[in-house]
Amino acid sequence: MGFYPVCPGTDQYVLGAPLFKKVTVKLENGKTLTINAPANSAQNRYIGALSVNGKVYNSTWLSHKELLTGARLDFQMTDKANTLRGTSMGDAPYSFSSAKK
């Protein structure tokens, strides 16, 4: 679907390229999670841009809480990696390696 859990004990899912052009998930709470990647193909396997609920989204992760409220994820897939997207420190998911000790 384009995201997966990466660090046990956190509520974060790291974003990756979706496998499908569209997925709709009906959540137990009655909300809907819709994932769109209409240009997804073997050639267009990189995320050029992502919007969540119509707003530009640069982070490389989503929280479980965000997904449970229902969401629409619109992936713009391209044939070249966007090396500017998700490069700010705040865009990266939690990592034990960067946790304060």
PDB file of N, CA and C in Angstrom:
ATOM      1  N   MET A   1       0.820  -1.198   0.000  1.00  0.00           N
ATOM      2  CA  MET A   1       0.000   0.000   0.000  1.00  0.00           C
ATOM      3  C   MET A   1       0.861   1.257   0.000  1.00  0.00           C
ATOM      4  N   GLY A   2       2.150   1.124   0.258  1.00  0.00           N
ATOM      5  CA  GLY A   2       3.013   2.281   0.210  1.00  0.00           C
ATOM      6  C   GLY A   2       3.519   2.756   1.557  1.00  0.00           C
ATOM      7  N   PHE A   3       3.285   1.986   2.606  1.00  0.00           N
ATOM      8  CA  PHE A   3       3.849   2.320   3.916  1.00  0.00           C
ATOM      9  C   PHE A   3       3.987   1.054   4.742  1.00  0.00           C
ATOM     10  N   TYR A   4       4.901   1.088   5.717  1.00  0.00           N
ATOM     11  CA  TYR A   4       5.132  -0.084   6.550  1.00  0.00           C
ATOM     12  C   TYR A   4       5.704   0.363   7.896  1.00  0.00           C
ATOM     13  N   PRO A   5       5.455  -0.425   8.977  1.00  0.00           N
ATOM     14  CA  PRO A   5       6.018  -0.085  10.283  1.00  0.00           C
ATOM     15  C   PRO A   5       7.525  -0.330  10.252  1.00  0.00           C
ATOM     16  N   VAL A   6       8.273   0.578  10.871  1.00  0.00           N
ATOM     17  CA  VAL A   6       9.726   0.435  10.797  1.00  0.00           C
ATOM     18  C   VAL A   6      10.384   0.276  12.159  1.00  0.00           C
ATOM     19  N   CYS A   7       9.787   0.830  13.203  1.00  0.00           N
ATOM     20  CA  CYS A   7      10.434   0.805  14.508  1.00  0.00           C
ATOM     21  C   CYS A   7       9.440   0.342  15.569  1.00  0.00           C
ATOM     22  N   PRO A   8       9.630  -0.850  16.133  1.00  0.00           N
ATOM     23  CA  PRO A   8       8.717  -1.332  17.168  1.00  0.00           C
ATOM     24  C   PRO A   8       8.614  -0.322  18.316  1.00  0.00           C
ATOM     25  N   GLY A   9       7.419  -0.178  18.830  1.00  0.00           N
ATOM     26  CA  GLY A   9       7.212   0.727  19.955  1.00  0.00           C
ATOM     27  C   GLY A   9       6.854   2.143  19.542  1.00  0.00           C
ATOM     28  N   THR A  10       6.837   2.426  18.237  1.00  0.00           N
ATOM     29  CA  THR A  10       6.384   3.738  17.773  1.00  0.00           C
ATOM     30  C   THR A  10       5.125   3.542  16.941  1.00  0.00           C
ATOM     31  N   ASP A  11       4.430   4.631  16.695  1.00  0.00           N
ATOM     32  CA  ASP A  11       3.207   4.549  15.880  1.00  0.00           C
ATOM     33  C   ASP A  11       3.465   5.030  14.456  1.00  0.00           C
ATOM     34  N   GLN A  12       4.703   4.932  14.001  1.00  0.00           N
ATOM     35  CA  GLN A  12       5.070   5.482  12.705  1.00  0.00           C
ATOM     36  C   GLN A  12       5.187   4.408  11.620  1.00  0.00           C
ATOM     37  N   TYR A  13       4.731   4.798  10.440  1.00  0.00           N
ATOM     38  CA  TYR A  13       4.862   3.967   9.244  1.00  0.00           C
ATOM     39  C   TYR A  13       5.707   4.739   8.233  1.00  0.00           C
ATOM     40  N   VAL A  14       6.743   4.133   7.722  1.00  0.00           N
ATOM     41  CA  VAL A  14       7.595   4.767   6.729  1.00  0.00           C
ATOM     42  C   VAL A  14       6.939   4.626   5.361  1.00  0.00           C
ATOM     43  N   LEU A  15       7.026   5.693   4.586  1.00  0.00           N
ATOM     44  CA  LEU A  15       6.425   5.707   3.260  1.00  0.00           C
ATOM     45  C   LEU A  15       7.354   5.088   2.226  1.00  0.00           C
ATOM     46  N   GLY A  16       6.777   4.345   1.342  1.00  0.00           N
ATOM     47  CA  GLY A  16       7.482   3.767   0.203  1.00  0.00           C
ATOM     48  C   GLY A  16       6.559   3.843  -0.997  1.00  0.00           C
ATOM     49  N   ALA A  17       6.977   3.314  -2.099  1.00  0.00           N
ATOM     50  CA  ALA A  17       6.155   3.340  -3.302  1.00  0.00           C
ATOM     51  C   ALA A  17       5.010   2.342  -3.182  1.00  0.00           C
ATOM     52  N   PRO A  18       3.789   2.775  -3.443  1.00  0.00           N
ATOM     53  CA  PRO A  18       2.659   1.839  -3.426  1.00  0.00           C
ATOM     54  C   PRO A  18       2.793   0.811  -4.556  1.00  0.00           C
ATOM     55  N   LEU A  19       2.261  -0.352  -4.335  1.00  0.00           N
ATOM     56  CA  LEU A  19       2.281  -1.399  -5.354  1.00  0.00           C
ATOM     57  C   LEU A  19       1.103  -1.242  -6.321  1.00  0.00           C
ATOM     58  N   PHE A  20       0.001  -0.702  -5.809  1.00  0.00           N
ATOM     59  CA  PHE A  20      -1.235  -0.614  -6.583  1.00  0.00           C
ATOM     60  C   PHE A  20      -1.510   0.820  -7.020  1.00  0.00           C
ATOM     61  N   LYS A  21      -2.340   0.983  -8.030  1.00  0.00           N
ATOM     62  CA  LYS A  21      -2.722   2.316  -8.483  1.00  0.00           C
ATOM     63  C   LYS A  21      -3.759   2.943  -7.560  1.00  0.00           C
ATOM     64  N   LYS A  22      -4.576   2.117  -6.915  1.00  0.00           N
ATOM     65  CA  LYS A  22      -5.560   2.632  -5.960  1.00  0.00           C
ATOM     66  C   LYS A  22      -5.923   1.541  -4.961  1.00  0.00           C
ATOM     67  N   VAL A  23      -5.999   1.949  -3.688  1.00  0.00           N
ATOM     68  CA  VAL A  23      -6.412   1.051  -2.612  1.00  0.00           C
ATOM     69  C   VAL A  23      -7.367   1.825  -1.717  1.00  0.00           C
ATOM     70  N   THR A  24      -8.478   1.197  -1.359  1.00  0.00           N
ATOM     71  CA  THR A  24      -9.414   1.798  -0.409  1.00  0.00           C
ATOM     72  C   THR A  24      -9.571   0.839   0.754  1.00  0.00           C
ATOM     73  N   VAL A  25      -9.330   1.340   1.965  1.00  0.00           N
ATOM     74  CA  VAL A  25      -9.426   0.528   3.171  1.00  0.00           C
ATOM     75  C   VAL A  25     -10.535   1.107   4.040  1.00  0.00           C
ATOM     76  N   LYS A  26     -11.512   0.283   4.370  1.00  0.00           N
ATOM     77  CA  LYS A  26     -12.581   0.689   5.291  1.00  0.00           C
ATOM     78  C   LYS A  26     -12.116   0.317   6.696  1.00  0.00           C
ATOM     79  N   LEU A  27     -11.941   1.321   7.537  1.00  0.00           N
ATOM     80  CA  LEU A  27     -11.448   1.100   8.893  1.00  0.00           C
ATOM     81  C   LEU A  27     -12.582   0.709   9.832  1.00  0.00           C
ATOM     82  N   GLU A  28     -12.232   0.050  10.928  1.00  0.00           N
ATOM     83  CA  GLU A  28     -13.231  -0.397  11.905  1.00  0.00           C
ATOM     84  C   GLU A  28     -14.066   0.744  12.467  1.00  0.00           C
ATOM     85  N   ASN A  29     -13.474   1.932  12.539  1.00  0.00           N
ATOM     86  CA  ASN A  29     -14.180   3.069  13.120  1.00  0.00           C
ATOM     87  C   ASN A  29     -15.107   3.768  12.122  1.00  0.00           C
ATOM     88  N   GLY A  30     -15.259   3.192  10.930  1.00  0.00           N
ATOM     89  CA  GLY A  30     -16.142   3.754   9.920  1.00  0.00           C
ATOM     90  C   GLY A  30     -15.456   4.723   8.965  1.00  0.00           C
ATOM     91  N   LYS A  31     -14.240   5.092   9.247  1.00  0.00           N
ATOM     92  CA  LYS A  31     -13.485   5.999   8.382  1.00  0.00           C
ATOM     93  C   LYS A  31     -12.906   5.224   7.205  1.00  0.00           C
ATOM     94  N   THR A  32     -12.432   5.952   6.207  1.00  0.00           N
ATOM     95  CA  THR A  32     -11.862   5.343   5.009  1.00  0.00           C
ATOM     96  C   THR A  32     -10.460   5.888   4.764  1.00  0.00           C
ATOM     97  N   LEU A  33      -9.567   5.010   4.401  1.00  0.00           N
ATOM     98  CA  LEU A  33      -8.220   5.360   3.985  1.00  0.00           C
ATOM     99  C   LEU A  33      -8.132   5.049   2.494  1.00  0.00           C
ATOM    100  N   THR A  34      -7.858   6.080   1.694  1.00  0.00           N
ATOM    101  CA  THR A  34      -7.755   5.909   0.253  1.00  0.00           C
ATOM    102  C   THR A  34      -6.343   6.273  -0.190  1.00  0.00           C
ATOM    103  N   ILE A  35      -5.743   5.384  -0.947  1.00  0.00           N
ATOM    104  CA  ILE A  35      -4.391   5.592  -1.447  1.00  0.00           C
ATOM    105  C   ILE A  35      -4.460   5.579  -2.975  1.00  0.00           C
ATOM    106  N   ASN A  36      -4.067   6.702  -3.575  1.00  0.00           N
ATOM    107  CA  ASN A  36      -4.085   6.842  -5.030  1.00  0.00           C
ATOM    108  C   ASN A  36      -2.669   7.002  -5.554  1.00  0.00           C
ATOM    109  N   ALA A  37      -2.338   6.224  -6.577  1.00  0.00           N
ATOM    110  CA  ALA A  37      -1.061   6.358  -7.278  1.00  0.00           C
ATOM    111  C   ALA A  37      -1.309   6.018  -8.742  1.00  0.00           C
ATOM    112  N   PRO A  38      -2.122   6.831  -9.435  1.00  0.00           N
ATOM    113  CA  PRO A  38      -2.553   6.471 -10.789  1.00  0.00           C
ATOM    114  C   PRO A  38      -1.436   6.329 -11.811  1.00  0.00           C
ATOM    115  N   ALA A  39      -0.324   7.021 -11.627  1.00  0.00           N
ATOM    116  CA  ALA A  39       0.781   6.924 -12.594  1.00  0.00           C
ATOM    117  C   ALA A  39       1.784   5.838 -12.219  1.00  0.00           C
ATOM    118  N   ASN A  40       1.485   5.075 -11.181  1.00  0.00           N
ATOM    119  CA  ASN A  40       2.387   4.019 -10.729  1.00  0.00           C
ATOM    120  C   ASN A  40       2.592   2.989 -11.842  1.00  0.00           C
ATOM    121  N   SER A  41       3.849   2.653 -12.093  1.00  0.00           N
ATOM    122  CA  SER A  41       4.179   1.648 -13.111  1.00  0.00           C
ATOM    123  C   SER A  41       5.600   1.163 -12.849  1.00  0.00           C
ATOM    124  N   ALA A  42       6.035   0.221 -13.634  1.00  0.00           N
ATOM    125  CA  ALA A  42       7.403  -0.273 -13.496  1.00  0.00           C
ATOM    126  C   ALA A  42       8.412   0.853 -13.732  1.00  0.00           C
ATOM    127  N   GLN A  43       8.090   1.786 -14.614  1.00  0.00           N
ATOM    128  CA  GLN A  43       8.980   2.914 -14.882  1.00  0.00           C
ATOM    129  C   GLN A  43       8.820   4.012 -13.819  1.00  0.00           C
ATOM    130  N   ASN A  44       7.596   4.308 -13.443  1.00  0.00           N
ATOM    131  CA  ASN A  44       7.306   5.364 -12.459  1.00  0.00           C
ATOM    132  C   ASN A  44       7.240   4.756 -11.061  1.00  0.00           C
ATOM    133  N   ARG A  45       8.394   4.467 -10.507  1.00  0.00           N
ATOM    134  CA  ARG A  45       8.444   3.777  -9.224  1.00  0.00           C
ATOM    135  C   ARG A  45       8.933   4.664  -8.079  1.00  0.00           C
ATOM    136  N   TYR A  46       9.112   5.953  -8.346  1.00  0.00           N
ATOM    137  CA  TYR A  46       9.584   6.881  -7.326  1.00  0.00           C
ATOM    138  C   TYR A  46       8.485   7.868  -6.949  1.00  0.00           C
ATOM    139  N   ILE A  47       8.474   8.273  -5.685  1.00  0.00           N
ATOM    140  CA  ILE A  47       7.507   9.272  -5.240  1.00  0.00           C
ATOM    141  C   ILE A  47       8.040  10.645  -5.619  1.00  0.00           C
ATOM    142  N   GLY A  48       7.367  11.292  -6.550  1.00  0.00           N
ATOM    143  CA  GLY A  48       7.745  12.647  -6.934  1.00  0.00           C
ATOM    144  C   GLY A  48       7.171  13.652  -5.946  1.00  0.00           C
ATOM    145  N   ALA A  49       5.942  13.395  -5.512  1.00  0.00           N
ATOM    146  CA  ALA A  49       5.263  14.259  -4.546  1.00  0.00           C
ATOM    147  C   ALA A  49       4.155  13.445  -3.894  1.00  0.00           C
ATOM    148  N   LEU A  50       3.743  13.897  -2.725  1.00  0.00           N
ATOM    149  CA  LEU A  50       2.659  13.251  -1.997  1.00  0.00           C
ATOM    150  C   LEU A  50       1.807  14.326  -1.362  1.00  0.00           C
ATOM    151  N   SER A  51       0.497  14.152  -1.457  1.00  0.00           N
ATOM    152  CA  SER A  51      -0.401  15.017  -0.703  1.00  0.00           C
ATOM    153  C   SER A  51      -1.264  14.132   0.188  1.00  0.00           C
ATOM    154  N   VAL A  52      -1.515  14.627   1.385  1.00  0.00           N
ATOM    155  CA  VAL A  52      -2.372  13.940   2.345  1.00  0.00           C
ATOM    156  C   VAL A  52      -3.546  14.868   2.613  1.00  0.00           C
ATOM    157  N   ASN A  53      -4.731  14.375   2.291  1.00  0.00           N
ATOM    158  CA  ASN A  53      -5.954  15.174   2.423  1.00  0.00           C
ATOM    159  C   ASN A  53      -5.835  16.510   1.694  1.00  0.00           C
ATOM    160  N   GLY A  54      -5.212  16.481   0.517  1.00  0.00           N
ATOM    161  CA  GLY A  54      -5.109  17.663  -0.324  1.00  0.00           C
ATOM    162  C   GLY A  54      -3.979  18.614   0.002  1.00  0.00           C
ATOM    163  N   LYS A  55      -3.182  18.311   1.032  1.00  0.00           N
ATOM    164  CA  LYS A  55      -2.072  19.186   1.413  1.00  0.00           C
ATOM    165  C   LYS A  55      -0.743  18.503   1.114  1.00  0.00           C
ATOM    166  N   VAL A  56       0.214  19.283   0.609  1.00  0.00           N
ATOM    167  CA  VAL A  56       1.554  18.753   0.318  1.00  0.00           C
ATOM    168  C   VAL A  56       2.126  18.137   1.584  1.00  0.00           C
ATOM    169  N   TYR A  57       2.713  16.946   1.450  1.00  0.00           N
ATOM    170  CA  TYR A  57       3.237  16.205   2.592  1.00  0.00           C
ATOM    171  C   TYR A  57       4.673  15.795   2.283  1.00  0.00           C
ATOM    172  N   ASN A  58       5.628  16.367   3.016  1.00  0.00           N
ATOM    173  CA  ASN A  58       7.041  16.098   2.746  1.00  0.00           C
ATOM    174  C   ASN A  58       7.669  15.071   3.678  1.00  0.00           C
ATOM    175  N   SER A  59       7.035  14.760   4.775  1.00  0.00           N
ATOM    176  CA  SER A  59       7.603  13.779   5.693  1.00  0.00           C
ATOM    177  C   SER A  59       7.692  12.417   5.024  1.00  0.00           C
ATOM    178  N   THR A  60       8.614  11.602   5.507  1.00  0.00           N
ATOM    179  CA  THR A  60       8.803  10.259   4.950  1.00  0.00           C
ATOM    180  C   THR A  60       8.077   9.205   5.765  1.00  0.00           C
ATOM    181  N   TRP A  61       7.176   9.662   6.656  1.00  0.00           N
ATOM    182  CA  TRP A  61       6.423   8.734   7.504  1.00  0.00           C
ATOM    183  C   TRP A  61       5.043   9.314   7.819  1.00  0.00           C
ATOM    184  N   LEU A  62       4.143   8.404   8.208  1.00  0.00           N
ATOM    185  CA  LEU A  62       2.800   8.756   8.678  1.00  0.00           C
ATOM    186  C   LEU A  62       2.592   8.126  10.046  1.00  0.00           C
ATOM    187  N   SER A  63       1.785   8.758  10.869  1.00  0.00           N
ATOM    188  CA  SER A  63       1.493   8.166  12.176  1.00  0.00           C
ATOM    189  C   SER A  63       0.239   7.295  12.092  1.00  0.00           C
ATOM    190  N   HIS A  64       0.170   6.333  12.980  1.00  0.00           N
ATOM    191  CA  HIS A  64      -1.000   5.460  13.067  1.00  0.00           C
ATOM    192  C   HIS A  64      -2.242   6.298  13.349  1.00  0.00           C
ATOM    193  N   LYS A  65      -2.088   7.287  14.217  1.00  0.00           N
ATOM    194  CA  LYS A  65      -3.204   8.174  14.575  1.00  0.00           C
ATOM    195  C   LYS A  65      -3.739   8.889  13.335  1.00  0.00           C
ATOM    196  N   GLU A  66      -2.839   9.392  12.490  1.00  0.00           N
ATOM    197  CA  GLU A  66      -3.259  10.061  11.252  1.00  0.00           C
ATOM    198  C   GLU A  66      -4.077   9.131  10.363  1.00  0.00           C
ATOM    199  N   LEU A  67      -3.619   7.898  10.253  1.00  0.00           N
ATOM    200  CA  LEU A  67      -4.313   6.933   9.396  1.00  0.00           C
ATOM    201  C   LEU A  67      -5.681   6.571   9.949  1.00  0.00           C
ATOM    202  N   LEU A  68      -5.801   6.465  11.279  1.00  0.00           N
ATOM    203  CA  LEU A  68      -7.075   6.092  11.893  1.00  0.00           C
ATOM    204  C   LEU A  68      -8.154   7.149  11.739  1.00  0.00           C
ATOM    205  N   THR A  69      -7.765   8.398  11.529  1.00  0.00           N
ATOM    206  CA  THR A  69      -8.764   9.447  11.351  1.00  0.00           C
ATOM    207  C   THR A  69      -9.343   9.429   9.945  1.00  0.00           C
ATOM    208  N   GLY A  70      -8.824   8.534   9.113  1.00  0.00           N
ATOM    209  CA  GLY A  70      -9.231   8.474   7.721  1.00  0.00           C
ATOM    210  C   GLY A  70      -8.385   9.456   6.938  1.00  0.00           C
ATOM    211  N   ALA A  71      -8.008   9.092   5.747  1.00  0.00           N
ATOM    212  CA  ALA A  71      -7.139   9.972   4.975  1.00  0.00           C
ATOM    213  C   ALA A  71      -7.212   9.617   3.503  1.00  0.00           C
ATOM    214  N   ARG A  72      -6.783  10.575   2.710  1.00  0.00           N
ATOM    215  CA  ARG A  72      -6.615  10.361   1.273  1.00  0.00           C
ATOM    216  C   ARG A  72      -5.165  10.684   0.953  1.00  0.00           C
ATOM    217  N   LEU A  73      -4.432   9.691   0.489  1.00  0.00           N
ATOM    218  CA  LEU A  73      -3.030   9.854   0.123  1.00  0.00           C
ATOM    219  C   LEU A  73      -2.934   9.826  -1.393  1.00  0.00           C
ATOM    220  N   ASP A  74      -2.456  10.915  -1.974  1.00  0.00           N
ATOM    221  CA  ASP A  74      -2.301  11.008  -3.420  1.00  0.00           C
ATOM    222  C   ASP A  74      -0.820  11.050  -3.755  1.00  0.00           C
ATOM    223  N   PHE A  75      -0.331   9.952  -4.298  1.00  0.00           N
ATOM    224  CA  PHE A  75       1.067   9.823  -4.699  1.00  0.00           C
ATOM    225  C   PHE A  75       1.213  10.249  -6.156  1.00  0.00           C
ATOM    226  N   GLN A  76       2.167  11.122  -6.432  1.00  0.00           N
ATOM    227  CA  GLN A  76       2.539  11.448  -7.802  1.00  0.00           C
ATOM    228  C   GLN A  76       3.825  10.674  -8.073  1.00  0.00           C
ATOM    229  N   MET A  77       3.695   9.630  -8.841  1.00  0.00           N
ATOM    230  CA  MET A  77       4.823   8.752  -9.114  1.00  0.00           C
ATOM    231  C   MET A  77       5.556   9.217 -10.368  1.00  0.00           C
ATOM    232  N   THR A  78       6.907   9.107 -10.329  1.00  0.00           N
ATOM    233  CA  THR A  78       7.735   9.536 -11.457  1.00  0.00           C
ATOM    234  C   THR A  78       8.810   8.487 -11.754  1.00  0.00           C
ATOM    235  N   ASP A  79       9.525   8.715 -12.836  1.00  0.00           N
ATOM    236  CA  ASP A  79      10.581   7.773 -13.223  1.00  0.00           C
ATOM    237  C   ASP A  79      11.948   8.159 -12.654  1.00  0.00           C
ATOM    238  N   LYS A  80      12.010   9.284 -11.935  1.00  0.00           N
ATOM    239  CA  LYS A  80      13.264   9.718 -11.314  1.00  0.00           C
ATOM    240  C   LYS A  80      13.009  10.065  -9.854  1.00  0.00           C
ATOM    241  N   ALA A  81      13.954   9.736  -9.004  1.00  0.00           N
ATOM    242  CA  ALA A  81      13.812  10.034  -7.575  1.00  0.00           C
ATOM    243  C   ALA A  81      13.817  11.544  -7.346  1.00  0.00           C
ATOM    244  N   ASN A  82      12.940  12.008  -6.465  1.00  0.00           N
ATOM    245  CA  ASN A  82      12.914  13.411  -6.059  1.00  0.00           C
ATOM    246  C   ASN A  82      13.883  13.539  -4.886  1.00  0.00           C
ATOM    247  N   THR A  83      15.065  14.037  -5.146  1.00  0.00           N
ATOM    248  CA  THR A  83      16.110  14.094  -4.111  1.00  0.00           C
ATOM    249  C   THR A  83      15.932  15.270  -3.161  1.00  0.00           C
ATOM    250  N   LEU A  84      14.911  16.093  -3.366  1.00  0.00           N
ATOM    251  CA  LEU A  84      14.646  17.218  -2.475  1.00  0.00           C
ATOM    252  C   LEU A  84      13.528  16.921  -1.478  1.00  0.00           C
ATOM    253  N   ARG A  85      12.674  15.952  -1.774  1.00  0.00           N
ATOM    254  CA  ARG A  85      11.540  15.628  -0.923  1.00  0.00           C
ATOM    255  C   ARG A  85      11.994  14.843   0.304  1.00  0.00           C
ATOM    256  N   GLY A  86      11.498  15.235   1.475  1.00  0.00           N
ATOM    257  CA  GLY A  86      11.772  14.486   2.697  1.00  0.00           C
ATOM    258  C   GLY A  86      13.191  14.601   3.206  1.00  0.00           C
ATOM    259  N   THR A  87      13.849  15.719   2.953  1.00  0.00           N
ATOM    260  CA  THR A  87      15.253  15.852   3.341  1.00  0.00           C
ATOM    261  C   THR A  87      15.485  16.663   4.614  1.00  0.00           C
ATOM    262  N   SER A  88      14.447  17.309   5.142  1.00  0.00           N
ATOM    263  CA  SER A  88      14.596  18.063   6.397  1.00  0.00           C
ATOM    264  C   SER A  88      14.667  17.100   7.573  1.00  0.00           C
ATOM    265  N   MET A  89      15.323  17.512   8.652  1.00  0.00           N
ATOM    266  CA  MET A  89      15.446  16.655   9.838  1.00  0.00           C
ATOM    267  C   MET A  89      14.081  16.206  10.351  1.00  0.00           C
ATOM    268  N   GLY A  90      13.104  17.078  10.327  1.00  0.00           N
ATOM    269  CA  GLY A  90      11.769  16.740  10.813  1.00  0.00           C
ATOM    270  C   GLY A  90      11.001  15.796   9.914  1.00  0.00           C
ATOM    271  N   ASP A  91      11.484  15.575   8.710  1.00  0.00           N
ATOM    272  CA  ASP A  91      10.808  14.680   7.767  1.00  0.00           C
ATOM    273  C   ASP A  91      11.119  13.211   8.016  1.00  0.00           C
ATOM    274  N   ALA A  92      12.188  12.942   8.748  1.00  0.00           N
ATOM    275  CA  ALA A  92      12.621  11.561   8.988  1.00  0.00           C
ATOM    276  C   ALA A  92      11.833  10.939  10.143  1.00  0.00           C
ATOM    277  N   PRO A  93      11.603   9.634  10.101  1.00  0.00           N
ATOM    278  CA  PRO A  93      10.921   8.961  11.208  1.00  0.00           C
ATOM    279  C   PRO A  93      11.836   8.820  12.421  1.00  0.00           C
ATOM    280  N   TYR A  94      11.243   8.438  13.534  1.00  0.00           N
ATOM    281  CA  TYR A  94      11.999   8.186  14.763  1.00  0.00           C
ATOM    282  C   TYR A  94      13.060   7.111  14.499  1.00  0.00           C
ATOM    283  N   SER A  95      14.199   7.259  15.149  1.00  0.00           N
ATOM    284  CA  SER A  95      15.246   6.250  15.056  1.00  0.00           C
ATOM    285  C   SER A  95      15.920   6.110  16.413  1.00  0.00           C
ATOM    286  N   PHE A  96      16.129   4.886  16.846  1.00  0.00           N
ATOM    287  CA  PHE A  96      16.862   4.661  18.094  1.00  0.00           C
ATOM    288  C   PHE A  96      18.250   5.258  18.012  1.00  0.00           C
ATOM    289  N   SER A  97      18.836   5.309  16.831  1.00  0.00           N
ATOM    290  CA  SER A  97      20.184   5.813  16.678  1.00  0.00           C
ATOM    291  C   SER A  97      20.292   7.317  16.933  1.00  0.00           C
ATOM    292  N   SER A  98      19.164   8.031  16.853  1.00  0.00           N
ATOM    293  CA  SER A  98      19.210   9.464  17.100  1.00  0.00           C
ATOM    294  C   SER A  98      18.523   9.848  18.411  1.00  0.00           C
ATOM    295  N   ALA A  99      18.090   8.852  19.183  1.00  0.00           N
ATOM    296  CA  ALA A  99      17.419   9.118  20.462  1.00  0.00           C
ATOM    297  C   ALA A  99      18.424   9.644  21.495  1.00  0.00           C
ATOM    298  N   LYS A 100      17.960  10.570  22.319  1.00  0.00           N
ATOM    299  CA  LYS A 100      18.823  11.089  23.381  1.00  0.00           C
ATOM    300  C   LYS A 100      19.020  10.031  24.445  1.00  0.00           C
ATOM    301  N   LYS A 101      20.197   9.966  24.961  1.00  0.00           N
ATOM    302  CA  LYS A 101      20.515   8.956  25.976  1.00  0.00           C
ATOM    303  C   LYS A 101      20.684   9.589  27.311  1.00  0.00           C
TER     304      LYS A 101
END
